[in-house]
Amino acid sequence: MIDIVFSLDSVITAVGLAKHVPVMVIAVVIAVGVMIFSARALGNFVDRHPTVKMLALSFLILIGVSLFSEGLELHIPNSNSR
């Protein structure tokens, strides 16, 4: 159950960072469908490869820092910024 909560948290974070909300809503619906059908296989993969957990945590920290800095009105440029 906690895995579902954390994956849903990641989806909500991604929607918060999106500039094109309709596209992101479609992506979220597709992602939830894929998650329902592949959760067990993904869980087994993560159990066999524990470094994937560290990679996922790194992404969550990166997104968290980005959201926090945006809240402080400090923009972190990405590859699409000019």
Protein backbone atom coordinates (compact mmCIF):
# COMPACT_ATOMS: atom_id res chain seq x y z
CA MET A 1 0.00 0.00 0.00
CA ILE A 2 2.83 2.43 0.81
CA ASP A 3 4.24 1.88 -2.70
CA ILE A 4 0.96 3.04 -4.19
CA VAL A 5 1.00 6.15 -2.01
CA PHE A 6 4.55 7.03 -3.05
CA SER A 7 3.88 6.40 -6.74
CA LEU A 8 0.75 8.54 -6.55
CA ASP A 9 2.80 11.25 -4.84
CA SER A 10 5.24 11.20 -7.75
CA VAL A 11 2.39 11.54 -10.23
CA ILE A 12 0.92 14.49 -8.33
CA THR A 13 4.36 16.13 -8.26
CA ALA A 14 4.73 15.67 -12.01
CA VAL A 15 1.32 17.24 -12.62
CA GLY A 16 2.38 20.17 -10.44
CA LEU A 17 5.43 20.73 -12.65
CA ALA A 18 3.52 20.45 -15.94
CA LYS A 19 2.84 23.39 -18.20
CA HIS A 20 0.35 21.50 -20.40
CA VAL A 21 -2.23 20.13 -17.98
CA PRO A 22 -4.44 18.20 -20.48
CA VAL A 23 -1.42 16.29 -21.78
CA MET A 24 -0.34 15.51 -18.22
CA VAL A 25 -3.83 14.30 -17.27
CA ILE A 26 -3.76 11.83 -20.17
CA ALA A 27 -0.28 10.73 -19.14
CA VAL A 28 -1.43 10.18 -15.55
CA VAL A 29 -4.38 8.05 -16.67
CA ILE A 30 -2.09 5.92 -18.84
CA ALA A 31 0.51 5.67 -16.06
CA VAL A 32 -2.06 4.48 -13.53
CA GLY A 33 -3.27 1.82 -15.97
CA VAL A 34 0.26 0.61 -16.60
CA MET A 35 0.97 0.62 -12.86
CA ILE A 36 -2.06 -1.54 -12.12
CA PHE A 37 -0.97 -4.20 -14.60
CA SER A 38 2.79 -4.12 -13.92
CA ALA A 39 3.12 -3.40 -10.18
CA ARG A 40 4.11 -6.94 -9.21
CA ALA A 41 6.76 -7.26 -11.94
CA LEU A 42 8.19 -3.84 -11.06
CA GLY A 43 8.27 -4.75 -7.37
CA ASN A 44 10.17 -7.94 -8.12
CA PHE A 45 12.64 -6.00 -10.28
CA VAL A 46 13.27 -3.45 -7.53
CA ASP A 47 13.78 -6.26 -5.02
CA ARG A 48 16.43 -7.80 -7.29
CA HIS A 49 18.12 -4.42 -8.01
CA PRO A 50 18.23 -2.32 -4.81
CA THR A 51 20.10 0.55 -6.49
CA VAL A 52 16.86 1.39 -8.30
CA LYS A 53 15.50 2.53 -4.93
CA MET A 54 18.38 5.00 -4.62
CA LEU A 55 17.75 6.28 -8.14
CA ALA A 56 14.06 6.79 -7.38
CA LEU A 57 14.92 8.62 -4.15
CA SER A 58 17.32 10.85 -6.09
CA PHE A 59 14.56 11.81 -8.50
CA LEU A 60 12.17 12.56 -5.64
CA ILE A 61 14.79 14.75 -3.95
CA LEU A 62 15.48 16.56 -7.23
CA ILE A 63 11.78 17.25 -7.79
CA GLY A 64 11.34 18.31 -4.15
CA VAL A 65 14.23 20.76 -4.33
CA SER A 66 12.83 22.13 -7.59
CA LEU A 67 9.37 22.66 -6.08
CA PHE A 68 10.82 24.18 -2.92
CA SER A 69 12.98 26.61 -4.91
CA GLU A 70 10.02 27.59 -7.07
CA GLY A 71 8.10 28.33 -3.87
CA LEU A 72 10.91 30.68 -2.87
CA GLU A 73 10.74 32.23 -6.36
CA LEU A 74 14.19 30.91 -7.25
CA HIS A 75 14.00 29.46 -10.76
CA ILE A 76 16.23 26.49 -11.57
CA PRO A 77 16.68 26.49 -15.34
CA ASN A 78 16.12 23.23 -17.23
CA SER A 79 17.19 22.17 -20.70
CA ASN A 80 14.09 23.80 -22.24
CA SER A 81 14.78 27.24 -20.74
CA ARG A 82 16.33 29.90 -22.93
